[in-house]
Structures are given as C-alpha cells and as structure tokens.
C-alpha cells in the first residue's frame, strides 16, 4: 500500500503543478497579446485551486500523513511545521487570486498586472511547497510509517478523485484539467514554424 499511497500523493502534486503551469502559460499569453482573456476558464482554474488542494489534498495531508508521522517520530516536526505554515499561506494566496481575478475581469485599472502578480505569488508558493514535501517529508514517511499507516493514508487519498486518472473524479475537475492540458500542450505550434 506504500507505493499506492505515495503514487496518489505525487500524482495529485503533478496534477496541481499542471494546473498552475497552465495558469502561468495563459497569463503569459495574455501579456503578449496572443490570447484574449478567457475569464470562464480563469474562474474555473482559481476555483480548482480553492477546491482541490484546499479542501481535499491539504486537509488529508494534515490529518493522515502529517499526523501519522508525528505519532511515529519527532524528527519530521520542523518540516511539518513549515508545511503547515505553507498551507495557511496557500489559502491566503488563493483568496488573493480570487480577488485579483475579480478586479481583472471587471476591467479595473491595473487589474491584469495585479492578477499576473497574484499568479506568480501562488506559483512561487505552491511549487516549492510540493517539492519540499516530496524531497524531505515523504522520504521520512517511508522510513518511519508502518504498513497500517500507509493503508490508512492510501484509503484517505484514494477518495480524492485525481482529475487526471480517476474514473469517479469530479467531472468539472476532469474537464478543466483536459482544457488546461490542451491549451498548454507543448505540441501546439508556437507560430514560428516549429512544433
């Protein structure tokens, strides 16, 4: 069950990274004038960032992975404390994304610049956060957690419904994920004759 639980956690990180990088790509294309803003898509992305990591992924990390690791060893405490602080920051950054998107969509002066900054701040927070979990916390978890711990963690995360893979994933998440992947696909022509 260890490999299954780790795979789910890392797959969810990859899904989240794709969504964040897709949002960064869109903002870059808007800044260069290559795409007109798609506010429906941007609202869906920001809602995803609120719903999936905030309400599904982070709470399960805290309740199952972090809590189990705390029961087995104190060596991970500083890393867990930092990750918990980052979860709080992530919630604040998502709120700022919502607010900046509202101003951008309503056409307020500086709205796009503010949204661009909010996107950059979110990416600068969440991408290193996931890297810290994978490079520092998960190896400690592999060393200190029991088979029973991993069964419980895998069962908890297994109900999240990763939009990339799960047949029972929320249809909105799955559809959004496909749209982002299609938009940000490196196969798309860059307009200079390369593919």
C-alpha atoms as a PDB file:
ATOM      1  CA  UNK A   1       0.000   0.000   0.000  1.00  0.00           C
ATOM      2  CA  UNK A   2       3.039   2.275   0.485  1.00  0.00           C
ATOM      3  CA  UNK A   3       3.660   2.632  -3.255  1.00  0.00           C
ATOM      4  CA  UNK A   4      -0.026   3.180  -3.944  1.00  0.00           C
ATOM      5  CA  UNK A   5      -0.368   5.932  -1.333  1.00  0.00           C
ATOM      6  CA  UNK A   6       2.835   7.652  -2.450  1.00  0.00           C
ATOM      7  CA  UNK A   7       1.727   7.441  -6.074  1.00  0.00           C
ATOM      8  CA  UNK A   8      -1.599   9.097  -5.282  1.00  0.00           C
ATOM      9  CA  UNK A   9       0.056  11.935  -3.357  1.00  0.00           C
ATOM     10  CA  UNK A  10       2.678  12.540  -6.049  1.00  0.00           C
ATOM     11  CA  UNK A  11       0.099  12.251  -8.849  1.00  0.00           C
ATOM     12  CA  UNK A  12      -2.038  14.879  -7.121  1.00  0.00           C
ATOM     13  CA  UNK A  13       1.039  17.103  -6.910  1.00  0.00           C
ATOM     14  CA  UNK A  14       1.645  16.629 -10.637  1.00  0.00           C
ATOM     15  CA  UNK A  15      -1.982  17.462 -11.440  1.00  0.00           C
ATOM     16  CA  UNK A  16      -1.792  20.610  -9.340  1.00  0.00           C
ATOM     17  CA  UNK A  17       1.510  21.600 -10.960  1.00  0.00           C
ATOM     18  CA  UNK A  18      -0.030  21.218 -14.428  1.00  0.00           C
ATOM     19  CA  UNK A  19      -2.953  23.461 -13.458  1.00  0.00           C
ATOM     20  CA  UNK A  20      -0.620  26.105 -12.005  1.00  0.00           C
ATOM     21  CA  UNK A  21       1.702  25.983 -15.002  1.00  0.00           C
ATOM     22  CA  UNK A  22      -1.317  26.173 -17.310  1.00  0.00           C
ATOM     23  CA  UNK A  23      -2.475  29.309 -15.492  1.00  0.00           C
ATOM     24  CA  UNK A  24       1.020  30.799 -15.800  1.00  0.00           C
ATOM     25  CA  UNK A  25       1.025  29.972 -19.518  1.00  0.00           C
ATOM     26  CA  UNK A  26      -2.332  31.680 -20.045  1.00  0.00           C
ATOM     27  CA  UNK A  27      -1.242  34.823 -18.205  1.00  0.00           C
ATOM     28  CA  UNK A  28       1.935  34.936 -20.283  1.00  0.00           C
ATOM     29  CA  UNK A  29      -0.072  34.615 -23.496  1.00  0.00           C
ATOM     30  CA  UNK A  30      -2.420  37.399 -22.356  1.00  0.00           C
ATOM     31  CA  UNK A  31       0.554  39.645 -21.562  1.00  0.00           C
ATOM     32  CA  UNK A  32       1.997  39.056 -25.051  1.00  0.00           C
ATOM     33  CA  UNK A  33      -1.378  39.683 -26.677  1.00  0.00           C
ATOM     34  CA  UNK A  34      -1.524  36.183 -28.175  1.00  0.00           C
ATOM     35  CA  UNK A  35      -4.754  35.212 -26.442  1.00  0.00           C
ATOM     36  CA  UNK A  36      -7.787  37.137 -25.258  1.00  0.00           C
ATOM     37  CA  UNK A  37      -8.564  36.509 -21.589  1.00  0.00           C
ATOM     38  CA  UNK A  38     -10.923  33.580 -21.033  1.00  0.00           C
ATOM     39  CA  UNK A  39     -12.474  34.589 -17.729  1.00  0.00           C
ATOM     40  CA  UNK A  40     -14.625  31.472 -17.519  1.00  0.00           C
ATOM     41  CA  UNK A  41     -11.502  29.327 -17.714  1.00  0.00           C
ATOM     42  CA  UNK A  42      -9.610  31.520 -15.236  1.00  0.00           C
ATOM     43  CA  UNK A  43     -12.502  31.352 -12.755  1.00  0.00           C
ATOM     44  CA  UNK A  44     -12.555  27.562 -13.147  1.00  0.00           C
ATOM     45  CA  UNK A  45      -8.801  27.352 -12.510  1.00  0.00           C
ATOM     46  CA  UNK A  46      -8.936  29.529  -9.399  1.00  0.00           C
ATOM     47  CA  UNK A  47     -11.940  27.552  -8.142  1.00  0.00           C
ATOM     48  CA  UNK A  48      -9.979  24.330  -8.726  1.00  0.00           C
ATOM     49  CA  UNK A  49      -7.065  25.762  -6.713  1.00  0.00           C
ATOM     50  CA  UNK A  50      -9.513  26.527  -3.920  1.00  0.00           C
ATOM     51  CA  UNK A  51     -11.438  23.261  -4.042  1.00  0.00           C
ATOM     52  CA  UNK A  52      -8.871  20.565  -4.784  1.00  0.00           C
ATOM     53  CA  UNK A  53      -5.772  21.444  -2.747  1.00  0.00           C
ATOM     54  CA  UNK A  54      -7.549  23.458  -0.047  1.00  0.00           C
ATOM     55  CA  UNK A  55     -10.491  21.149   0.623  1.00  0.00           C
ATOM     56  CA  UNK A  56      -9.225  17.726  -0.444  1.00  0.00           C
ATOM     57  CA  UNK A  57      -5.444  17.441  -0.634  1.00  0.00           C
ATOM     58  CA  UNK A  58      -4.045  19.622   2.186  1.00  0.00           C
ATOM     59  CA  UNK A  59      -6.560  18.537   4.848  1.00  0.00           C
ATOM     60  CA  UNK A  60      -5.749  14.879   4.178  1.00  0.00           C
ATOM     61  CA  UNK A  61      -2.024  15.555   4.321  1.00  0.00           C
ATOM     62  CA  UNK A  62      -2.519  17.165   7.719  1.00  0.00           C
ATOM     63  CA  UNK A  63      -4.966  14.622   9.148  1.00  0.00           C
ATOM     64  CA  UNK A  64      -3.341  11.461   7.840  1.00  0.00           C
ATOM     65  CA  UNK A  65       0.233  11.879   6.585  1.00  0.00           C
ATOM     66  CA  UNK A  66       1.440  14.573   8.996  1.00  0.00           C
ATOM     67  CA  UNK A  67      -0.447  13.210  11.982  1.00  0.00           C
ATOM     68  CA  UNK A  68       0.738   9.635  11.452  1.00  0.00           C
ATOM     69  CA  UNK A  69       4.319  10.802  11.034  1.00  0.00           C
ATOM     70  CA  UNK A  70       4.085  12.815  14.271  1.00  0.00           C
ATOM     71  CA  UNK A  71       2.960   9.659  16.080  1.00  0.00           C
ATOM     72  CA  UNK A  72       5.946   7.670  14.811  1.00  0.00           C
ATOM     73  CA  UNK A  73       8.795  10.183  15.104  1.00  0.00           C
ATOM     74  CA  UNK A  74       9.553  13.749  16.177  1.00  0.00           C
ATOM     75  CA  UNK A  75      12.288  14.146  13.552  1.00  0.00           C
ATOM     76  CA  UNK A  76       9.821  15.467  10.981  1.00  0.00           C
ATOM     77  CA  UNK A  77       8.309  18.102  13.293  1.00  0.00           C
ATOM     78  CA  UNK A  78      10.195  21.115  11.853  1.00  0.00           C
ATOM     79  CA  UNK A  79       9.297  20.120   8.286  1.00  0.00           C
ATOM     80  CA  UNK A  80       5.667  19.513   9.224  1.00  0.00           C
ATOM     81  CA  UNK A  81       5.510  22.890  10.981  1.00  0.00           C
ATOM     82  CA  UNK A  82       6.852  24.596   7.856  1.00  0.00           C
ATOM     83  CA  UNK A  83       4.437  22.714   5.579  1.00  0.00           C
ATOM     84  CA  UNK A  84       1.507  23.620   7.833  1.00  0.00           C
ATOM     85  CA  UNK A  85       2.568  27.288   7.675  1.00  0.00           C
ATOM     86  CA  UNK A  86       2.716  26.991   3.901  1.00  0.00           C
ATOM     87  CA  UNK A  87      -0.808  25.519   3.818  1.00  0.00           C
ATOM     88  CA  UNK A  88      -2.025  28.656   5.620  1.00  0.00           C
ATOM     89  CA  UNK A  89      -0.119  30.828   3.128  1.00  0.00           C
ATOM     90  CA  UNK A  90      -1.586  28.835   0.246  1.00  0.00           C
ATOM     91  CA  UNK A  91      -5.123  29.564   1.458  1.00  0.00           C
ATOM     92  CA  UNK A  92      -4.310  33.287   1.651  1.00  0.00           C
ATOM     93  CA  UNK A  93      -2.771  33.239  -1.842  1.00  0.00           C
ATOM     94  CA  UNK A  94      -5.883  31.566  -3.276  1.00  0.00           C
ATOM     95  CA  UNK A  95      -8.035  34.285  -1.705  1.00  0.00           C
ATOM     96  CA  UNK A  96      -5.768  36.896  -3.286  1.00  0.00           C
ATOM     97  CA  UNK A  97      -6.100  35.114  -6.652  1.00  0.00           C
ATOM     98  CA  UNK A  98      -9.905  35.285  -6.384  1.00  0.00           C
ATOM     99  CA  UNK A  99      -9.786  38.994  -5.535  1.00  0.00           C
ATOM    100  CA  UNK A 100      -7.261  39.860  -8.261  1.00  0.00           C
ATOM    101  CA  UNK A 101      -9.258  37.915 -10.842  1.00  0.00           C
ATOM    102  CA  UNK A 102     -12.422  39.842  -9.914  1.00  0.00           C
ATOM    103  CA  UNK A 103     -10.589  43.138 -10.433  1.00  0.00           C
ATOM    104  CA  UNK A 104      -9.060  41.935 -13.723  1.00  0.00           C
ATOM    105  CA  UNK A 105     -12.398  40.702 -15.032  1.00  0.00           C
ATOM    106  CA  UNK A 106     -14.209  43.911 -14.041  1.00  0.00           C
ATOM    107  CA  UNK A 107     -11.688  45.956 -16.025  1.00  0.00           C
ATOM    108  CA  UNK A 108     -10.247  47.879 -13.091  1.00  0.00           C
ATOM    109  CA  UNK A 109      -7.064  49.849 -13.771  1.00  0.00           C
ATOM    110  CA  UNK A 110      -4.075  47.642 -13.126  1.00  0.00           C
ATOM    111  CA  UNK A 111      -6.321  44.584 -12.831  1.00  0.00           C
ATOM    112  CA  UNK A 112      -4.260  42.428 -15.171  1.00  0.00           C
ATOM    113  CA  UNK A 113      -0.965  43.433 -13.538  1.00  0.00           C
ATOM    114  CA  UNK A 114      -2.395  42.586 -10.119  1.00  0.00           C
ATOM    115  CA  UNK A 115      -3.663  39.216 -11.357  1.00  0.00           C
ATOM    116  CA  UNK A 116      -0.310  38.472 -13.002  1.00  0.00           C
ATOM    117  CA  UNK A 117       1.417  39.179  -9.655  1.00  0.00           C
ATOM    118  CA  UNK A 118      -1.095  37.002  -7.774  1.00  0.00           C
ATOM    119  CA  UNK A 119      -0.489  34.120 -10.207  1.00  0.00           C
ATOM    120  CA  UNK A 120       3.281  34.470  -9.794  1.00  0.00           C
ATOM    121  CA  UNK A 121       2.982  34.577  -5.994  1.00  0.00           C
ATOM    122  CA  UNK A 122       0.784  31.481  -5.952  1.00  0.00           C
ATOM    123  CA  UNK A 123       3.175  29.536  -8.198  1.00  0.00           C
ATOM    124  CA  UNK A 124       6.172  30.679  -6.133  1.00  0.00           C
ATOM    125  CA  UNK A 125       4.451  29.290  -3.040  1.00  0.00           C
ATOM    126  CA  UNK A 126       2.869  26.030  -4.158  1.00  0.00           C
ATOM    127  CA  UNK A 127       5.526  24.601  -6.478  1.00  0.00           C
ATOM    128  CA  UNK A 128       8.365  24.739  -3.876  1.00  0.00           C
ATOM    129  CA  UNK A 129       5.882  23.517  -1.244  1.00  0.00           C
ATOM    130  CA  UNK A 130       5.222  20.326  -3.185  1.00  0.00           C
ATOM    131  CA  UNK A 131       8.951  19.906  -3.841  1.00  0.00           C
ATOM    132  CA  UNK A 132       9.658  20.174  -0.091  1.00  0.00           C
ATOM    133  CA  UNK A 133       7.071  17.516   0.667  1.00  0.00           C
ATOM    134  CA  UNK A 134       8.470  15.141  -1.932  1.00  0.00           C
ATOM    135  CA  UNK A 135      12.162  15.734  -1.204  1.00  0.00           C
ATOM    136  CA  UNK A 136      12.062  15.957   2.590  1.00  0.00           C
ATOM    137  CA  UNK A 137       8.823  14.733   4.153  1.00  0.00           C
ATOM    138  CA  UNK A 138       7.934  11.707   2.045  1.00  0.00           C
ATOM    139  CA  UNK A 139      11.360  10.052   2.490  1.00  0.00           C
ATOM    140  CA  UNK A 140      10.955  10.397   6.267  1.00  0.00           C
ATOM    141  CA  UNK A 141       7.446   8.969   5.993  1.00  0.00           C
ATOM    142  CA  UNK A 142       8.804   6.000   4.047  1.00  0.00           C
ATOM    143  CA  UNK A 143      11.310   5.313   6.805  1.00  0.00           C
ATOM    144  CA  UNK A 144       9.034   5.750   9.814  1.00  0.00           C
ATOM    145  CA  UNK A 145       5.443   4.858   8.907  1.00  0.00           C
ATOM    146  CA  UNK A 146       4.034   1.358   9.250  1.00  0.00           C
ATOM    147  CA  UNK A 147       2.178  -0.673   6.667  1.00  0.00           C
ATOM    148  CA  UNK A 148      -1.063   0.074   8.536  1.00  0.00           C
ATOM    149  CA  UNK A 149      -0.311   3.791   8.377  1.00  0.00           C
ATOM    150  CA  UNK A 150       0.118   3.606   4.604  1.00  0.00           C
ATOM    151  CA  UNK A 151      -3.115   1.655   4.178  1.00  0.00           C
ATOM    152  CA  UNK A 152      -4.984   4.382   6.058  1.00  0.00           C
ATOM    153  CA  UNK A 153      -3.231   7.174   4.126  1.00  0.00           C
ATOM    154  CA  UNK A 154      -3.851   5.463   0.792  1.00  0.00           C
ATOM    155  CA  UNK A 155      -7.534   4.938   1.586  1.00  0.00           C
ATOM    156  CA  UNK A 156      -7.963   8.599   2.570  1.00  0.00           C
ATOM    157  CA  UNK A 157      -6.253   9.974  -0.532  1.00  0.00           C
ATOM    158  CA  UNK A 158      -7.915   7.389  -2.755  1.00  0.00           C
ATOM    159  CA  UNK A 159     -11.248   9.175  -2.311  1.00  0.00           C
ATOM    160  CA  UNK A 160      -9.918  12.497  -3.701  1.00  0.00           C
ATOM    161  CA  UNK A 161     -10.562  11.598  -7.335  1.00  0.00           C
ATOM    162  CA  UNK A 162      -7.470  12.958  -9.127  1.00  0.00           C
ATOM    163  CA  UNK A 163      -8.817  14.574 -12.307  1.00  0.00           C
ATOM    164  CA  UNK A 164      -6.079  13.036 -14.450  1.00  0.00           C
ATOM    165  CA  UNK A 165      -6.820   9.409 -13.651  1.00  0.00           C
ATOM    166  CA  UNK A 166      -9.844   8.676 -11.514  1.00  0.00           C
ATOM    167  CA  UNK A 167     -12.951   7.420 -13.252  1.00  0.00           C
ATOM    168  CA  UNK A 168     -15.049   8.921 -10.458  1.00  0.00           C
ATOM    169  CA  UNK A 169     -13.254  12.288 -10.424  1.00  0.00           C
ATOM    170  CA  UNK A 170     -15.471  15.326 -10.285  1.00  0.00           C
ATOM    171  CA  UNK A 171     -16.487  15.958 -13.902  1.00  0.00           C
ATOM    172  CA  UNK A 172     -15.750  19.678 -13.586  1.00  0.00           C
ATOM    173  CA  UNK A 173     -12.201  18.984 -12.366  1.00  0.00           C
ATOM    174  CA  UNK A 174     -11.599  16.427 -15.112  1.00  0.00           C
ATOM    175  CA  UNK A 175     -12.932  18.763 -17.811  1.00  0.00           C
ATOM    176  CA  UNK A 176     -10.896  21.679 -16.501  1.00  0.00           C
ATOM    177  CA  UNK A 177      -7.772  19.563 -16.379  1.00  0.00           C
ATOM    178  CA  UNK A 178      -8.245  18.495 -20.018  1.00  0.00           C
ATOM    179  CA  UNK A 179      -8.770  22.116 -21.126  1.00  0.00           C
ATOM    180  CA  UNK A 180      -5.592  23.260 -19.408  1.00  0.00           C
ATOM    181  CA  UNK A 181      -3.534  20.411 -20.817  1.00  0.00           C
ATOM    182  CA  UNK A 182      -4.887  21.119 -24.307  1.00  0.00           C
ATOM    183  CA  UNK A 183      -4.112  24.843 -24.025  1.00  0.00           C
ATOM    184  CA  UNK A 184      -0.643  24.466 -22.606  1.00  0.00           C
ATOM    185  CA  UNK A 185       0.414  21.474 -24.688  1.00  0.00           C
ATOM    186  CA  UNK A 186       3.994  21.864 -25.923  1.00  0.00           C
ATOM    187  CA  UNK A 187       2.855  20.296 -29.216  1.00  0.00           C
ATOM    188  CA  UNK A 188       0.936  23.481 -30.049  1.00  0.00           C
ATOM    189  CA  UNK A 189       2.546  25.497 -32.793  1.00  0.00           C
ATOM    190  CA  UNK A 190       4.481  28.474 -31.479  1.00  0.00           C
ATOM    191  CA  UNK A 191       3.812  30.409 -34.652  1.00  0.00           C
ATOM    192  CA  UNK A 192       7.409  30.220 -35.860  1.00  0.00           C
ATOM    193  CA  UNK A 193       7.104  27.051 -37.886  1.00  0.00           C
ATOM    194  CA  UNK A 194       8.310  24.756 -35.120  1.00  0.00           C
ATOM    195  CA  UNK A 195       6.253  22.174 -33.352  1.00  0.00           C
END
